Amino acid sequence: MPDRRNPTACLLIIGNEVLSGRTQDANIKVIATRLGEIGIPLREVRVIPDVAETIIATVNEVRAKFDHVLTTGGIGPTHDDITSECIAAAFGVPWEKHPDAWARMERHYQPGEFNAARQRMATMPRGAELIGNPVSIAPGFTIGNVHVMAGVPRIMQGMLDWLAPRLAGGPPIISRAVHAVGLPEGRIAEGLAAIQARHPGLDLGSYPYYRPAGNGVAIIAKGNDPAEAEAAIAEVSALMAALAATPIQGEPPM
């Protein structure tokens, strides 16, 4: 029998600007979707400040718990961009000039422009492997099972596109959905719990929605086995019909 276990992932969003409300994170959906496509479910997301002790402790906690840890934010050129040096401290290795990153960035800038601030972006934990950055040259990096990327969405997406094919994944996570207008979540809850019990290999989620055209509930089945997901959604559809609601395949329109 092949090993169908899915590796797991955690995302650390690092930045005071997210916690203060000044910046709204736009990366979670992109990362979760892409990881699901390669069979690495995102199991946890944490938002933490630009505080060295917090970054170091959190990285060490989650890298022991998850197969992959992805971080976003804090690898720019300014004084509050401390993610890279904190990752070095978490792994107990020197934070030093990375020869390849240094060479790439030195070639990229005009003479005299590769200043001390920009040199911080080419300074990494010893032993780090670079994550390509097709957008703005300064690379991210991987050390152990921790993958460090930029927080700016366009740059992060470029890095993720480079990184994802190189990650050890598992069977892709697929989803099937059905929804019904006018069906309160509370009416379907008991029957839904019974369906979930019959399909322990799936995550069966219930999501109420509120639209000008009518309120209702959407049920989404996620897992590795398309046939099982379709069977569960068929059972949910039958349950909706038994409750005098009309099941509509797919998620509700926005």
C-alpha atoms as a PDB file:
ATOM      1  CA  MET A   1       0.000   0.000   0.000  1.00  0.00           C
ATOM      2  CA  PRO A   2       1.427   3.446  -0.860  1.00  0.00           C
ATOM      3  CA  ASP A   3       1.823   5.962   1.963  1.00  0.00           C
ATOM      4  CA  ARG A   4      -1.104   8.365   1.553  1.00  0.00           C
ATOM      5  CA  ARG A   5      -0.234  10.486   4.547  1.00  0.00           C
ATOM      6  CA  ASN A   6      -0.304  14.175   3.801  1.00  0.00           C
ATOM      7  CA  PRO A   7       2.497  16.342   5.156  1.00  0.00           C
ATOM      8  CA  THR A   8       1.191  19.271   7.200  1.00  0.00           C
ATOM      9  CA  ALA A   9       2.050  22.949   7.130  1.00  0.00           C
ATOM     10  CA  CYS A  10       1.907  25.990   9.375  1.00  0.00           C
ATOM     11  CA  LEU A  11       2.081  29.604   8.232  1.00  0.00           C
ATOM     12  CA  LEU A  12       3.652  32.328  10.368  1.00  0.00           C
ATOM     13  CA  ILE A  13       2.725  35.867   9.343  1.00  0.00           C
ATOM     14  CA  ILE A  14       5.350  38.106  10.881  1.00  0.00           C
ATOM     15  CA  GLY A  15       4.773  41.838  11.196  1.00  0.00           C
ATOM     16  CA  ASN A  16       3.536  44.521  13.556  1.00  0.00           C
ATOM     17  CA  GLU A  17       1.694  46.132  10.645  1.00  0.00           C
ATOM     18  CA  VAL A  18      -0.669  43.159  10.370  1.00  0.00           C
ATOM     19  CA  LEU A  19      -1.368  43.050  14.108  1.00  0.00           C
ATOM     20  CA  SER A  20      -2.023  46.800  14.212  1.00  0.00           C
ATOM     21  CA  GLY A  21      -4.595  46.557  11.433  1.00  0.00           C
ATOM     22  CA  ARG A  22      -2.630  48.837   9.115  1.00  0.00           C
ATOM     23  CA  THR A  23      -2.004  45.997   6.638  1.00  0.00           C
ATOM     24  CA  GLN A  24      -4.513  43.303   5.738  1.00  0.00           C
ATOM     25  CA  ASP A  25      -2.923  39.949   4.983  1.00  0.00           C
ATOM     26  CA  ALA A  26      -3.546  38.839   1.417  1.00  0.00           C
ATOM     27  CA  ASN A  27      -1.377  35.732   1.406  1.00  0.00           C
ATOM     28  CA  ILE A  28      -3.270  33.109   3.432  1.00  0.00           C
ATOM     29  CA  LYS A  29      -5.735  32.125   0.702  1.00  0.00           C
ATOM     30  CA  VAL A  30      -3.028  31.924  -1.965  1.00  0.00           C
ATOM     31  CA  ILE A  31      -0.728  29.820   0.209  1.00  0.00           C
ATOM     32  CA  ALA A  32      -3.484  27.515   1.490  1.00  0.00           C
ATOM     33  CA  THR A  33      -4.818  26.894  -2.025  1.00  0.00           C
ATOM     34  CA  ARG A  34      -1.400  26.211  -3.557  1.00  0.00           C
ATOM     35  CA  LEU A  35      -0.347  23.909  -0.728  1.00  0.00           C
ATOM     36  CA  GLY A  36      -3.614  21.988  -1.028  1.00  0.00           C
ATOM     37  CA  GLU A  37      -2.933  21.418  -4.712  1.00  0.00           C
ATOM     38  CA  ILE A  38       0.329  19.659  -3.866  1.00  0.00           C
ATOM     39  CA  GLY A  39      -1.149  17.710  -0.950  1.00  0.00           C
ATOM     40  CA  ILE A  40       0.118  19.771   1.986  1.00  0.00           C
ATOM     41  CA  PRO A  41      -2.868  20.924   4.044  1.00  0.00           C
ATOM     42  CA  LEU A  42      -2.359  24.186   5.907  1.00  0.00           C
ATOM     43  CA  ARG A  43      -3.265  23.259   9.477  1.00  0.00           C
ATOM     44  CA  GLU A  44      -2.435  26.429  11.379  1.00  0.00           C
ATOM     45  CA  VAL A  45      -1.844  30.150  10.809  1.00  0.00           C
ATOM     46  CA  ARG A  46      -0.349  32.491  13.390  1.00  0.00           C
ATOM     47  CA  VAL A  47       0.247  36.238  13.244  1.00  0.00           C
ATOM     48  CA  ILE A  48       3.174  37.316  15.410  1.00  0.00           C
ATOM     49  CA  PRO A  49       4.976  40.628  16.000  1.00  0.00           C
ATOM     50  CA  ASP A  50       8.448  41.790  15.025  1.00  0.00           C
ATOM     51  CA  VAL A  51       9.767  40.729  18.421  1.00  0.00           C
ATOM     52  CA  ALA A  52      12.862  38.548  18.404  1.00  0.00           C
ATOM     53  CA  GLU A  53      11.955  36.397  21.386  1.00  0.00           C
ATOM     54  CA  THR A  54       8.491  35.694  19.979  1.00  0.00           C
ATOM     55  CA  ILE A  55       9.758  34.815  16.509  1.00  0.00           C
ATOM     56  CA  ILE A  56      12.469  32.495  17.813  1.00  0.00           C
ATOM     57  CA  ALA A  57      10.200  30.681  20.264  1.00  0.00           C
ATOM     58  CA  THR A  58       7.341  30.328  17.778  1.00  0.00           C
ATOM     59  CA  VAL A  59       9.551  29.037  14.961  1.00  0.00           C
ATOM     60  CA  ASN A  60      11.078  26.428  17.241  1.00  0.00           C
ATOM     61  CA  GLU A  61       7.640  25.356  18.470  1.00  0.00           C
ATOM     62  CA  VAL A  62       6.003  24.928  15.081  1.00  0.00           C
ATOM     63  CA  ARG A  63       8.952  23.442  13.186  1.00  0.00           C
ATOM     64  CA  ALA A  64       8.871  20.558  15.643  1.00  0.00           C
ATOM     65  CA  LYS A  65       5.123  20.106  15.148  1.00  0.00           C
ATOM     66  CA  PHE A  66       4.610  20.456  11.381  1.00  0.00           C
ATOM     67  CA  ASP A  67       6.325  19.000   8.324  1.00  0.00           C
ATOM     68  CA  HIS A  68       6.619  22.425   6.685  1.00  0.00           C
ATOM     69  CA  VAL A  69       6.663  25.920   8.192  1.00  0.00           C
ATOM     70  CA  LEU A  70       6.237  28.884   5.871  1.00  0.00           C
ATOM     71  CA  THR A  71       6.851  32.445   7.019  1.00  0.00           C
ATOM     72  CA  THR A  72       5.951  35.740   5.373  1.00  0.00           C
ATOM     73  CA  GLY A  73       7.283  39.152   6.256  1.00  0.00           C
ATOM     74  CA  GLY A  74      10.298  40.699   7.884  1.00  0.00           C
ATOM     75  CA  ILE A  75      13.027  40.032   5.304  1.00  0.00           C
ATOM     76  CA  GLY A  76      13.370  43.535   3.866  1.00  0.00           C
ATOM     77  CA  PRO A  77      16.187  46.066   4.345  1.00  0.00           C
ATOM     78  CA  THR A  78      14.948  48.079   7.342  1.00  0.00           C
ATOM     79  CA  HIS A  79      15.711  47.857  11.051  1.00  0.00           C
ATOM     80  CA  ASP A  80      12.449  46.097  11.886  1.00  0.00           C
ATOM     81  CA  ASP A  81      13.041  43.340   9.314  1.00  0.00           C
ATOM     82  CA  ILE A  82      14.457  40.811  11.759  1.00  0.00           C
ATOM     83  CA  THR A  83      12.973  37.514  10.570  1.00  0.00           C
ATOM     84  CA  SER A  84      16.147  36.209   8.945  1.00  0.00           C
ATOM     85  CA  GLU A  85      18.410  36.781  11.945  1.00  0.00           C
ATOM     86  CA  CYS A  86      15.751  35.311  14.261  1.00  0.00           C
ATOM     87  CA  ILE A  87      15.543  32.152  12.133  1.00  0.00           C
ATOM     88  CA  ALA A  88      19.334  31.830  12.470  1.00  0.00           C
ATOM     89  CA  ALA A  89      18.992  32.131  16.244  1.00  0.00           C
ATOM     90  CA  ALA A  90      16.174  29.546  16.289  1.00  0.00           C
ATOM     91  CA  PHE A  91      18.423  27.044  14.503  1.00  0.00           C
ATOM     92  CA  GLY A  92      21.488  28.000  16.537  1.00  0.00           C
ATOM     93  CA  VAL A  93      23.601  28.917  13.501  1.00  0.00           C
ATOM     94  CA  PRO A  94      25.432  32.128  12.524  1.00  0.00           C
ATOM     95  CA  TRP A  95      23.634  34.863  10.586  1.00  0.00           C
ATOM     96  CA  GLU A  96      26.113  35.654   7.865  1.00  0.00           C
ATOM     97  CA  LYS A  97      26.687  36.760   4.287  1.00  0.00           C
ATOM     98  CA  HIS A  98      25.188  34.190   1.906  1.00  0.00           C
ATOM     99  CA  PRO A  99      27.646  33.928  -1.021  1.00  0.00           C
ATOM    100  CA  ASP A 100      25.079  33.206  -3.742  1.00  0.00           C
ATOM    101  CA  ALA A 101      22.525  35.761  -2.547  1.00  0.00           C
ATOM    102  CA  TRP A 102      25.252  38.356  -2.140  1.00  0.00           C
ATOM    103  CA  ALA A 103      26.551  37.746  -5.656  1.00  0.00           C
ATOM    104  CA  ARG A 104      23.081  37.923  -7.220  1.00  0.00           C
ATOM    105  CA  MET A 105      22.248  41.199  -5.542  1.00  0.00           C
ATOM    106  CA  GLU A 106      25.644  42.754  -6.141  1.00  0.00           C
ATOM    107  CA  ARG A 107      25.240  42.053  -9.870  1.00  0.00           C
ATOM    108  CA  HIS A 108      21.718  43.458  -9.841  1.00  0.00           C
ATOM    109  CA  TYR A 109      22.489  46.895  -8.402  1.00  0.00           C
ATOM    110  CA  GLN A 110      24.548  49.675  -9.899  1.00  0.00           C
ATOM    111  CA  PRO A 111      27.958  50.271  -8.298  1.00  0.00           C
ATOM    112  CA  GLY A 112      27.480  51.838  -4.885  1.00  0.00           C
ATOM    113  CA  GLU A 113      23.761  50.942  -4.673  1.00  0.00           C
ATOM    114  CA  PHE A 114      24.268  47.633  -2.884  1.00  0.00           C
ATOM    115  CA  ASN A 115      24.436  49.437   0.430  1.00  0.00           C
ATOM    116  CA  ALA A 116      24.396  48.150   4.019  1.00  0.00           C
ATOM    117  CA  ALA A 117      20.599  48.077   4.168  1.00  0.00           C
ATOM    118  CA  ARG A 118      20.332  45.959   1.012  1.00  0.00           C
ATOM    119  CA  GLN A 119      23.156  43.743   2.194  1.00  0.00           C
ATOM    120  CA  ARG A 120      20.878  42.690   5.076  1.00  0.00           C
ATOM    121  CA  MET A 121      18.698  40.945   2.485  1.00  0.00           C
ATOM    122  CA  ALA A 122      21.694  38.826   1.426  1.00  0.00           C
ATOM    123  CA  THR A 123      22.549  37.912   5.020  1.00  0.00           C
ATOM    124  CA  MET A 124      21.020  34.602   6.088  1.00  0.00           C
ATOM    125  CA  PRO A 125      21.386  31.640   8.450  1.00  0.00           C
ATOM    126  CA  ARG A 126      24.410  29.517   7.652  1.00  0.00           C
ATOM    127  CA  GLY A 127      23.353  26.568   5.476  1.00  0.00           C
ATOM    128  CA  ALA A 128      20.258  28.287   4.039  1.00  0.00           C
ATOM    129  CA  GLU A 129      19.157  27.326   0.528  1.00  0.00           C
ATOM    130  CA  LEU A 130      17.800  30.164  -1.590  1.00  0.00           C
ATOM    131  CA  ILE A 131      14.187  30.587  -2.711  1.00  0.00           C
ATOM    132  CA  GLY A 132      14.097  32.331  -6.065  1.00  0.00           C
ATOM    133  CA  ASN A 133      12.523  35.779  -6.395  1.00  0.00           C
ATOM    134  CA  PRO A 134      11.593  36.616 -10.004  1.00  0.00           C
ATOM    135  CA  VAL A 135      10.020  39.932  -9.001  1.00  0.00           C
ATOM    136  CA  SER A 136      12.558  41.952  -7.009  1.00  0.00           C
ATOM    137  CA  ILE A 137      15.770  39.846  -6.942  1.00  0.00           C
ATOM    138  CA  ALA A 138      16.250  39.576  -3.127  1.00  0.00           C
ATOM    139  CA  PRO A 139      15.702  35.848  -2.410  1.00  0.00           C
ATOM    140  CA  GLY A 140      13.916  34.050   0.352  1.00  0.00           C
ATOM    141  CA  PHE A 141      15.448  30.953   1.854  1.00  0.00           C
ATOM    142  CA  THR A 142      14.860  27.497   3.290  1.00  0.00           C
ATOM    143  CA  ILE A 143      16.611  26.045   6.307  1.00  0.00           C
ATOM    144  CA  GLY A 144      15.499  22.674   7.612  1.00  0.00           C
ATOM    145  CA  ASN A 145      11.722  22.563   7.189  1.00  0.00           C
ATOM    146  CA  VAL A 146      11.285  26.351   7.445  1.00  0.00           C
ATOM    147  CA  HIS A 147      10.659  28.332   4.249  1.00  0.00           C
ATOM    148  CA  VAL A 148      11.086  32.096   4.604  1.00  0.00           C
ATOM    149  CA  MET A 149       9.351  34.382   2.110  1.00  0.00           C
ATOM    150  CA  ALA A 150       8.522  38.047   1.624  1.00  0.00           C
ATOM    151  CA  GLY A 151       5.266  39.527   2.880  1.00  0.00           C
ATOM    152  CA  VAL A 152       4.477  41.687  -0.161  1.00  0.00           C
ATOM    153  CA  PRO A 153       1.851  39.579  -1.983  1.00  0.00           C
ATOM    154  CA  ARG A 154       3.275  39.822  -5.501  1.00  0.00           C
ATOM    155  CA  ILE A 155       6.778  38.955  -4.328  1.00  0.00           C
ATOM    156  CA  MET A 156       5.485  36.184  -2.060  1.00  0.00           C
ATOM    157  CA  GLN A 157       3.576  34.639  -4.964  1.00  0.00           C
ATOM    158  CA  GLY A 158       6.695  34.646  -7.114  1.00  0.00           C
ATOM    159  CA  MET A 159       8.626  32.924  -4.343  1.00  0.00           C
ATOM    160  CA  LEU A 160       5.819  30.422  -3.745  1.00  0.00           C
ATOM    161  CA  ASP A 161       5.694  29.571  -7.445  1.00  0.00           C
ATOM    162  CA  TRP A 162       9.399  28.768  -7.242  1.00  0.00           C
ATOM    163  CA  LEU A 163       9.152  26.867  -3.944  1.00  0.00           C
ATOM    164  CA  ALA A 164       5.981  24.781  -4.328  1.00  0.00           C
ATOM    165  CA  PRO A 165       7.263  22.306  -6.971  1.00  0.00           C
ATOM    166  CA  ARG A 166      10.245  21.598  -4.726  1.00  0.00           C
ATOM    167  CA  LEU A 167       8.240  20.702  -1.603  1.00  0.00           C
ATOM    168  CA  ALA A 168       7.580  17.103  -0.609  1.00  0.00           C
ATOM    169  CA  GLY A 169       3.804  16.824  -0.745  1.00  0.00           C
ATOM    170  CA  GLY A 170       1.169  14.125  -0.724  1.00  0.00           C
ATOM    171  CA  PRO A 171      -2.069  13.271  -2.503  1.00  0.00           C
ATOM    172  CA  PRO A 172      -3.804  16.483  -3.655  1.00  0.00           C
ATOM    173  CA  ILE A 173      -6.554  17.863  -1.436  1.00  0.00           C
ATOM    174  CA  ILE A 174      -9.803  17.998  -3.417  1.00  0.00           C
ATOM    175  CA  SER A 175     -13.118  19.578  -2.470  1.00  0.00           C
ATOM    176  CA  ARG A 176     -16.767  19.103  -3.408  1.00  0.00           C
ATOM    177  CA  ALA A 177     -19.589  21.429  -2.373  1.00  0.00           C
ATOM    178  CA  VAL A 178     -23.341  21.758  -2.268  1.00  0.00           C
ATOM    179  CA  HIS A 179     -25.511  24.583  -0.941  1.00  0.00           C
ATOM    180  CA  ALA A 180     -29.155  25.337  -0.319  1.00  0.00           C
ATOM    181  CA  VAL A 181     -30.938  28.676  -0.115  1.00  0.00           C
ATOM    182  CA  GLY A 182     -33.285  29.145   2.825  1.00  0.00           C
ATOM    183  CA  LEU A 183     -31.868  26.279   4.896  1.00  0.00           C
ATOM    184  CA  PRO A 184     -30.690  27.373   8.359  1.00  0.00           C
ATOM    185  CA  GLU A 185     -27.469  25.773   9.562  1.00  0.00           C
ATOM    186  CA  GLY A 186     -29.139  24.611  12.758  1.00  0.00           C
ATOM    187  CA  ARG A 187     -31.609  22.381  10.875  1.00  0.00           C
ATOM    188  CA  ILE A 188     -28.905  20.424   9.065  1.00  0.00           C
ATOM    189  CA  ALA A 189     -26.433  20.118  11.946  1.00  0.00           C
ATOM    190  CA  GLU A 190     -27.577  16.764  13.376  1.00  0.00           C
ATOM    191  CA  GLY A 191     -27.782  14.970  10.046  1.00  0.00           C
ATOM    192  CA  LEU A 192     -24.477  16.490   8.953  1.00  0.00           C
ATOM    193  CA  ALA A 193     -22.740  15.128  12.054  1.00  0.00           C
ATOM    194  CA  ALA A 194     -23.951  11.635  11.144  1.00  0.00           C
ATOM    195  CA  ILE A 195     -22.580  11.986   7.599  1.00  0.00           C
ATOM    196  CA  GLN A 196     -19.246  13.150   8.947  1.00  0.00           C
ATOM    197  CA  ALA A 197     -19.104  10.093  11.207  1.00  0.00           C
ATOM    198  CA  ARG A 198     -19.605   7.847   8.177  1.00  0.00           C
ATOM    199  CA  HIS A 199     -16.757   9.580   6.328  1.00  0.00           C
ATOM    200  CA  PRO A 200     -13.925  10.057   8.827  1.00  0.00           C
ATOM    201  CA  GLY A 201     -11.408  10.511   6.027  1.00  0.00           C
ATOM    202  CA  LEU A 202     -13.032  13.796   5.007  1.00  0.00           C
ATOM    203  CA  ASP A 203     -13.283  17.241   6.534  1.00  0.00           C
ATOM    204  CA  LEU A 204     -16.946  18.174   6.217  1.00  0.00           C
ATOM    205  CA  GLY A 205     -17.457  21.891   6.798  1.00  0.00           C
ATOM    206  CA  SER A 206     -20.671  23.881   7.199  1.00  0.00           C
ATOM    207  CA  TYR A 207     -20.657  27.528   6.100  1.00  0.00           C
ATOM    208  CA  PRO A 208     -23.740  29.750   6.424  1.00  0.00           C
ATOM    209  CA  TYR A 209     -23.939  32.569   3.876  1.00  0.00           C
ATOM    210  CA  TYR A 210     -25.889  35.777   3.563  1.00  0.00           C
ATOM    211  CA  ARG A 211     -26.672  37.125   0.085  1.00  0.00           C
ATOM    212  CA  PRO A 212     -29.164  39.652  -1.323  1.00  0.00           C
ATOM    213  CA  ALA A 213     -30.735  36.756  -3.249  1.00  0.00           C
ATOM    214  CA  GLY A 214     -31.238  34.748  -0.069  1.00  0.00           C
ATOM    215  CA  ASN A 215     -29.479  33.245   2.899  1.00  0.00           C
ATOM    216  CA  GLY A 216     -28.517  29.612   3.198  1.00  0.00           C
ATOM    217  CA  VAL A 217     -25.802  27.133   4.040  1.00  0.00           C
ATOM    218  CA  ALA A 218     -22.969  25.589   2.016  1.00  0.00           C
ATOM    219  CA  ILE A 219     -21.435  22.216   2.861  1.00  0.00           C
ATOM    220  CA  ILE A 220     -17.911  21.498   1.630  1.00  0.00           C
ATOM    221  CA  ALA A 221     -16.187  18.101   1.729  1.00  0.00           C
ATOM    222  CA  LYS A 222     -12.381  18.078   1.567  1.00  0.00           C
ATOM    223  CA  GLY A 223     -10.062  15.092   1.405  1.00  0.00           C
ATOM    224  CA  ASN A 224      -7.858  12.920  -0.787  1.00  0.00           C
ATOM    225  CA  ASP A 225     -10.506  10.657  -2.313  1.00  0.00           C
ATOM    226  CA  PRO A 226     -12.762  12.276  -4.949  1.00  0.00           C
ATOM    227  CA  ALA A 227     -15.190   9.341  -4.885  1.00  0.00           C
ATOM    228  CA  GLU A 228     -15.642   9.563  -1.131  1.00  0.00           C
ATOM    229  CA  ALA A 229     -16.114  13.339  -1.296  1.00  0.00           C
ATOM    230  CA  GLU A 230     -18.752  12.926  -3.999  1.00  0.00           C
ATOM    231  CA  ALA A 231     -20.505  10.222  -1.984  1.00  0.00           C
ATOM    232  CA  ALA A 232     -20.610  12.447   1.088  1.00  0.00           C
ATOM    233  CA  ILE A 233     -21.958  15.391  -0.895  1.00  0.00           C
ATOM    234  CA  ALA A 234     -24.614  13.114  -2.371  1.00  0.00           C
ATOM    235  CA  GLU A 235     -25.674  12.201   1.180  1.00  0.00           C
ATOM    236  CA  VAL A 236     -25.735  15.882   2.130  1.00  0.00           C
ATOM    237  CA  SER A 237     -27.872  16.640  -0.941  1.00  0.00           C
ATOM    238  CA  ALA A 238     -30.335  13.937   0.087  1.00  0.00           C
ATOM    239  CA  LEU A 239     -30.433  15.379   3.608  1.00  0.00           C
ATOM    240  CA  MET A 240     -31.166  18.848   2.250  1.00  0.00           C
ATOM    241  CA  ALA A 241     -33.961  17.501   0.087  1.00  0.00           C
ATOM    242  CA  ALA A 242     -35.420  15.652   3.083  1.00  0.00           C
ATOM    243  CA  LEU A 243     -35.530  19.009   4.891  1.00  0.00           C
ATOM    244  CA  ALA A 244     -37.564  20.508   2.009  1.00  0.00           C
ATOM    245  CA  ALA A 245     -34.584  22.447   0.634  1.00  0.00           C
ATOM    246  CA  THR A 246     -33.276  22.342  -2.917  1.00  0.00           C
ATOM    247  CA  PRO A 247     -29.630  21.240  -3.088  1.00  0.00           C
ATOM    248  CA  ILE A 248     -27.507  23.169  -5.593  1.00  0.00           C
ATOM    249  CA  GLN A 249     -24.170  21.674  -6.543  1.00  0.00           C
ATOM    250  CA  GLY A 250     -21.140  23.874  -5.964  1.00  0.00           C
ATOM    251  CA  GLU A 251     -20.551  26.848  -3.723  1.00  0.00           C
ATOM    252  CA  PRO A 252     -22.974  29.797  -3.682  1.00  0.00           C
ATOM    253  CA  PRO A 253     -22.148  32.709  -5.986  1.00  0.00           C
ATOM    254  CA  MET A 254     -20.640  35.757  -4.362  1.00  0.00           C
END
